[in-house]
C-alpha atoms as a PDB file:
ATOM      1  CA  MET A   1       8.588   6.418 -14.503  1.00  0.00           C
ATOM      2  CA  ALA A   2       9.853   2.787 -14.371  1.00  0.00           C
ATOM      3  CA  TYR A   3       7.997  -0.625 -15.348  1.00  0.00           C
ATOM      4  CA  HIS A   4       9.672  -3.629 -14.347  1.00  0.00           C
ATOM      5  CA  ALA A   5       9.517  -5.483 -17.854  1.00  0.00           C
ATOM      6  CA  ASP A   6      11.099  -5.665 -20.893  1.00  0.00           C
ATOM      7  CA  THR A   7       8.820  -7.053 -23.418  1.00  0.00           C
ATOM      8  CA  THR A   8      11.053  -6.413 -26.528  1.00  0.00           C
ATOM      9  CA  ASP A   9      13.133 -10.018 -25.992  1.00  0.00           C
ATOM     10  CA  LEU A  10      11.613 -12.213 -24.063  1.00  0.00           C
ATOM     11  CA  THR A  11      14.293 -15.009 -24.540  1.00  0.00           C
ATOM     12  CA  GLY A  12      15.167 -16.310 -21.257  1.00  0.00           C
ATOM     13  CA  LYS A  13      12.804 -14.799 -19.395  1.00  0.00           C
ATOM     14  CA  GLU A  14       9.503 -16.125 -16.993  1.00  0.00           C
ATOM     15  CA  VAL A  15       6.628 -14.425 -18.287  1.00  0.00           C
ATOM     16  CA  LEU A  16       3.024 -14.333 -16.660  1.00  0.00           C
ATOM     17  CA  LEU A  17      -0.421 -13.659 -18.222  1.00  0.00           C
ATOM     18  CA  TRP A  18      -3.181 -12.830 -16.565  1.00  0.00           C
ATOM     19  CA  ASP A  19      -5.267 -16.532 -16.950  1.00  0.00           C
ATOM     20  CA  GLN A  20      -2.250 -17.703 -15.090  1.00  0.00           C
ATOM     21  CA  PHE A  21      -1.748 -15.245 -12.346  1.00  0.00           C
ATOM     22  CA  GLY A  22      -5.891 -16.435 -11.825  1.00  0.00           C
ATOM     23  CA  ASP A  23      -4.845 -19.838 -11.293  1.00  0.00           C
ATOM     24  CA  ALA A  24      -1.458 -19.269  -9.698  1.00  0.00           C
ATOM     25  CA  MET A  25      -2.817 -17.292  -7.057  1.00  0.00           C
ATOM     26  CA  ARG A  26      -5.855 -20.193  -6.387  1.00  0.00           C
ATOM     27  CA  GLU A  27      -3.257 -22.217  -6.054  1.00  0.00           C
ATOM     28  CA  LEU A  28      -1.019 -19.905  -3.486  1.00  0.00           C
ATOM     29  CA  ALA A  29      -4.129 -19.677  -1.138  1.00  0.00           C
ATOM     30  CA  GLN A  30      -4.826 -23.671  -1.503  1.00  0.00           C
ATOM     31  CA  ASN A  31      -1.025 -24.064  -0.108  1.00  0.00           C
ATOM     32  CA  ILE A  32      -1.857 -21.578   2.432  1.00  0.00           C
ATOM     33  CA  ALA A  33      -4.940 -22.835   3.575  1.00  0.00           C
ATOM     34  CA  ASP A  34      -3.696 -26.285   3.602  1.00  0.00           C
ATOM     35  CA  SER A  35      -0.855 -25.599   6.178  1.00  0.00           C
ATOM     36  CA  GLY A  36      -3.296 -24.165   8.681  1.00  0.00           C
ATOM     37  CA  PHE A  37      -2.195 -20.481   8.555  1.00  0.00           C
ATOM     38  CA  ARG A  38      -5.470 -18.089   8.457  1.00  0.00           C
ATOM     39  CA  PRO A  39      -4.470 -14.380   8.629  1.00  0.00           C
ATOM     40  CA  GLU A  40      -6.735 -12.033   9.618  1.00  0.00           C
ATOM     41  CA  VAL A  41      -4.657  -9.135   7.756  1.00  0.00           C
ATOM     42  CA  ILE A  42      -3.168  -9.480   4.490  1.00  0.00           C
ATOM     43  CA  ILE A  43      -0.826  -7.024   3.693  1.00  0.00           C
ATOM     44  CA  ALA A  44       0.670  -5.984   0.279  1.00  0.00           C
ATOM     45  CA  ILE A  45       3.822  -4.695  -0.307  1.00  0.00           C
ATOM     46  CA  ALA A  46       3.477  -1.877  -2.643  1.00  0.00           C
ATOM     47  CA  ARG A  47       3.693  -1.790  -5.848  1.00  0.00           C
ATOM     48  CA  GLY A  48       4.461  -5.677  -6.687  1.00  0.00           C
ATOM     49  CA  GLY A  49       2.017  -7.346  -4.017  1.00  0.00           C
ATOM     50  CA  LEU A  50      -1.006  -4.913  -4.788  1.00  0.00           C
ATOM     51  CA  LEU A  51      -2.757  -7.851  -7.435  1.00  0.00           C
ATOM     52  CA  PRO A  52      -1.282 -10.454  -5.516  1.00  0.00           C
ATOM     53  CA  ALA A  53      -2.127  -9.915  -1.899  1.00  0.00           C
ATOM     54  CA  GLY A  54      -5.907  -8.361  -3.370  1.00  0.00           C
ATOM     55  CA  ALA A  55      -6.037 -12.086  -4.936  1.00  0.00           C
ATOM     56  CA  LEU A  56      -5.473 -13.646  -1.816  1.00  0.00           C
ATOM     57  CA  THR A  57      -7.693 -11.639   0.023  1.00  0.00           C
ATOM     58  CA  TYR A  58     -10.830 -13.089  -1.548  1.00  0.00           C
ATOM     59  CA  ALA A  59      -9.464 -16.568  -2.426  1.00  0.00           C
ATOM     60  CA  LEU A  60      -8.631 -16.896   1.631  1.00  0.00           C
ATOM     61  CA  GLY A  61     -11.931 -15.133   2.536  1.00  0.00           C
ATOM     62  CA  THR A  62      -9.492 -12.339   4.661  1.00  0.00           C
ATOM     63  CA  LYS A  63     -11.702  -9.244   5.078  1.00  0.00           C
ATOM     64  CA  LEU A  64      -8.909  -7.197   6.211  1.00  0.00           C
ATOM     65  CA  SER A  65      -5.843  -5.619   4.055  1.00  0.00           C
ATOM     66  CA  ASP A  66      -3.536  -2.937   4.011  1.00  0.00           C
ATOM     67  CA  ALA A  67      -0.305  -1.816   2.444  1.00  0.00           C
ATOM     68  CA  MET A  68       3.354  -1.163   2.670  1.00  0.00           C
ATOM     69  CA  ASN A  69       4.885   1.163   0.404  1.00  0.00           C
ATOM     70  CA  ILE A  70       8.740   0.126  -0.014  1.00  0.00           C
ATOM     71  CA  GLU A  71      10.771   1.264  -2.776  1.00  0.00           C
ATOM     72  CA  PHE A  72      13.918  -0.954  -3.659  1.00  0.00           C
ATOM     73  CA  TYR A  73      13.780  -1.530  -7.657  1.00  0.00           C
ATOM     74  CA  THR A  74      14.036   1.966  -9.774  1.00  0.00           C
ATOM     75  CA  ASP A  75      14.121   0.239 -13.276  1.00  0.00           C
ATOM     76  CA  ILE A  76      14.706  -2.970 -14.690  1.00  0.00           C
ATOM     77  CA  GLU A  77      17.296  -4.523 -12.720  1.00  0.00           C
ATOM     78  CA  GLN A  78      18.193  -1.412 -10.937  1.00  0.00           C
ATOM     79  CA  THR A  79      17.904  -0.904  -7.220  1.00  0.00           C
ATOM     80  CA  LEU A  80      18.629   1.497  -4.353  1.00  0.00           C
ATOM     81  CA  PRO A  81      21.394   0.846  -2.288  1.00  0.00           C
ATOM     82  CA  ASP A  82      18.802  -0.203   0.652  1.00  0.00           C
ATOM     83  CA  PRO A  83      15.021  -0.693   0.464  1.00  0.00           C
ATOM     84  CA  VAL A  84      13.364   2.220   1.647  1.00  0.00           C
ATOM     85  CA  LEU A  85      10.060   2.750   3.213  1.00  0.00           C
ATOM     86  CA  LEU A  86       7.505   5.143   2.123  1.00  0.00           C
ATOM     87  CA  GLU A  87       4.822   7.173   3.217  1.00  0.00           C
ATOM     88  CA  PRO A  88       1.522   6.757   3.401  1.00  0.00           C
ATOM     89  CA  LEU A  89       2.345   4.013   6.137  1.00  0.00           C
ATOM     90  CA  LEU A  90       0.932   1.177   7.635  1.00  0.00           C
ATOM     91  CA  ASP A  91      -1.624   1.514  10.573  1.00  0.00           C
ATOM     92  CA  THR A  92       0.534  -0.071  12.566  1.00  0.00           C
ATOM     93  CA  GLU A  93      -1.579  -0.037  15.865  1.00  0.00           C
ATOM     94  CA  SER A  94      -4.368  -2.179  15.002  1.00  0.00           C
ATOM     95  CA  ILE A  95      -1.978  -4.932  13.534  1.00  0.00           C
ATOM     96  CA  LYS A  96      -0.227  -5.478  16.914  1.00  0.00           C
ATOM     97  CA  GLY A  97      -0.183  -9.217  17.558  1.00  0.00           C
ATOM     98  CA  LYS A  98      -2.066 -10.182  15.077  1.00  0.00           C
ATOM     99  CA  LYS A  99      -1.635 -12.885  12.459  1.00  0.00           C
ATOM    100  CA  LEU A 100      -0.481 -11.427   9.118  1.00  0.00           C
ATOM    101  CA  LEU A 101       0.297 -12.213   5.635  1.00  0.00           C
ATOM    102  CA  VAL A 102       2.771 -10.425   3.842  1.00  0.00           C
ATOM    103  CA  VAL A 103       2.302 -10.238  -0.039  1.00  0.00           C
ATOM    104  CA  ASP A 104       5.123  -9.371  -2.885  1.00  0.00           C
ATOM    105  CA  ASP A 105       5.121 -10.642  -6.132  1.00  0.00           C
ATOM    106  CA  VAL A 106       8.598 -11.827  -5.972  1.00  0.00           C
ATOM    107  CA  ALA A 107      11.455 -12.850  -3.516  1.00  0.00           C
ATOM    108  CA  ASP A 108      13.879 -11.548  -5.994  1.00  0.00           C
ATOM    109  CA  SER A 109      17.285 -10.283  -3.385  1.00  0.00           C
ATOM    110  CA  GLY A 110      14.811 -11.004  -0.651  1.00  0.00           C
ATOM    111  CA  ARG A 111      15.585  -7.514   0.932  1.00  0.00           C
ATOM    112  CA  THR A 112      12.434  -5.749   1.213  1.00  0.00           C
ATOM    113  CA  LEU A 113      10.701  -8.670   2.017  1.00  0.00           C
ATOM    114  CA  LYS A 114      12.872  -8.912   4.495  1.00  0.00           C
ATOM    115  CA  MET A 115      12.259  -5.600   5.903  1.00  0.00           C
ATOM    116  CA  ALA A 116       8.792  -5.678   5.468  1.00  0.00           C
ATOM    117  CA  ILE A 117       8.821  -9.005   8.024  1.00  0.00           C
ATOM    118  CA  ASP A 118      11.158  -8.049  10.144  1.00  0.00           C
ATOM    119  CA  MET A 119       8.989  -4.437  10.721  1.00  0.00           C
ATOM    120  CA  LEU A 120       5.934  -6.705  11.349  1.00  0.00           C
ATOM    121  CA  THR A 121       7.532  -9.320  13.633  1.00  0.00           C
ATOM    122  CA  GLU A 122       8.922  -6.217  15.828  1.00  0.00           C
ATOM    123  CA  LEU A 123       4.999  -5.698  16.361  1.00  0.00           C
ATOM    124  CA  GLY A 124       4.593  -8.923  18.164  1.00  0.00           C
ATOM    125  CA  ALA A 125       2.763 -10.120  15.058  1.00  0.00           C
ATOM    126  CA  ASP A 126       2.764 -13.864  13.499  1.00  0.00           C
ATOM    127  CA  VAL A 127       3.991 -13.372  10.290  1.00  0.00           C
ATOM    128  CA  ARG A 128       3.710 -15.247   7.281  1.00  0.00           C
ATOM    129  CA  SER A 129       5.183 -14.360   3.810  1.00  0.00           C
ATOM    130  CA  ALA A 130       3.657 -15.430   0.123  1.00  0.00           C
ATOM    131  CA  VAL A 131       4.923 -14.280  -3.092  1.00  0.00           C
ATOM    132  CA  ILE A 132       4.277 -15.501  -7.028  1.00  0.00           C
ATOM    133  CA  TYR A 133       7.853 -16.325  -7.383  1.00  0.00           C
ATOM    134  CA  ASP A 134      11.072 -16.427  -5.730  1.00  0.00           C
ATOM    135  CA  LYS A 135      14.049 -16.874  -6.526  1.00  0.00           C
ATOM    136  CA  PRO A 136      17.503 -19.327  -5.377  1.00  0.00           C
ATOM    137  CA  ARG A 137      19.034 -15.550  -4.078  1.00  0.00           C
ATOM    138  CA  SER A 138      17.105 -14.549  -2.078  1.00  0.00           C
ATOM    139  CA  VAL A 139      18.156 -13.362   1.411  1.00  0.00           C
ATOM    140  CA  ILE A 140      14.623 -15.047   2.979  1.00  0.00           C
ATOM    141  CA  LYS A 141      12.823 -18.193   2.030  1.00  0.00           C
ATOM    142  CA  PRO A 142       8.901 -16.888   1.885  1.00  0.00           C
ATOM    143  CA  ASP A 143       6.573 -18.876   3.628  1.00  0.00           C
ATOM    144  CA  TYR A 144       4.424 -19.755   0.889  1.00  0.00           C
ATOM    145  CA  SER A 145       5.479 -19.482  -2.996  1.00  0.00           C
ATOM    146  CA  TRP A 146       3.899 -20.188  -6.302  1.00  0.00           C
ATOM    147  CA  LYS A 147       6.927 -20.855  -8.095  1.00  0.00           C
ATOM    148  CA  ALA A 148      10.522 -21.114  -8.258  1.00  0.00           C
ATOM    149  CA  THR A 149      13.068 -19.216 -10.754  1.00  0.00           C
ATOM    150  CA  ASP A 150      16.159 -17.656 -11.398  1.00  0.00           C
ATOM    151  CA  LYS A 151      14.790 -15.840 -14.824  1.00  0.00           C
ATOM    152  CA  TRP A 152      13.838 -11.952 -15.050  1.00  0.00           C
ATOM    153  CA  ILE A 153       9.951 -12.195 -14.482  1.00  0.00           C
ATOM    154  CA  VAL A 154       7.413 -10.492 -17.143  1.00  0.00           C
ATOM    155  CA  PHE A 155       4.231  -9.650 -14.750  1.00  0.00           C
ATOM    156  CA  PRO A 156       0.999  -8.873 -16.764  1.00  0.00           C
ATOM    157  CA  TRP A 157       0.529  -5.999 -14.544  1.00  0.00           C
ATOM    158  CA  SER A 158       3.651  -4.307 -15.383  1.00  0.00           C
ATOM    159  CA  SER A 159       4.749  -5.507 -19.105  1.00  0.00           C
ATOM    160  CA  GLN A 160       3.793  -2.347 -20.310  1.00  0.00           C
ATOM    161  CA  PRO A 161       5.096   1.426 -19.730  1.00  0.00           C
ATOM    162  CA  PRO A 162       2.811   3.852 -18.256  1.00  0.00           C
ATOM    163  CA  VAL A 163       0.042   5.395 -20.215  1.00  0.00           C
ATOM    164  CA  THR A 164       0.168   9.161 -21.418  1.00  0.00           C
ATOM    165  CA  PRO A 165      -2.419  11.602 -22.263  1.00  0.00           C
ATOM    166  CA  ASN A 166      -3.267  11.098 -26.048  1.00  0.00           C
ATOM    167  CA  LYS A 167      -2.272  14.114 -27.856  1.00  0.00           C
END
């Protein structure tokens, strides 16, 4: 099971702590609200976008949420050749033509975010994107981001390996 942090050496890494995460989400939500965009549905890109999307649903007062399961990173700085959409699939019929906010933790290469945006735009939806971090090498510039960095990011939810049963 992969996790996306290596906390053995934090030198040169961007470290996001839980309390910073809360502040970041409020600031990101304020930027979205100030832009005038009012999403009808917030869609997380699982897994990294689940917590940021949940925080934004509350901060923006958006009741409807869903998720897209897209796999790209398989381990620290290791990816598949292309992002892959996994089941269960998003209920696309219910979101056609809606205002959607797609949320992920980071636009690193941007390929996962681009895949999600392209798929949802084909449904005739008004799609915007939000991430905590965006990187300069991303193939897509998110509509909203909290911070730009070119460092490897250690998120609080993936800073440790998965738990295993006690023996």
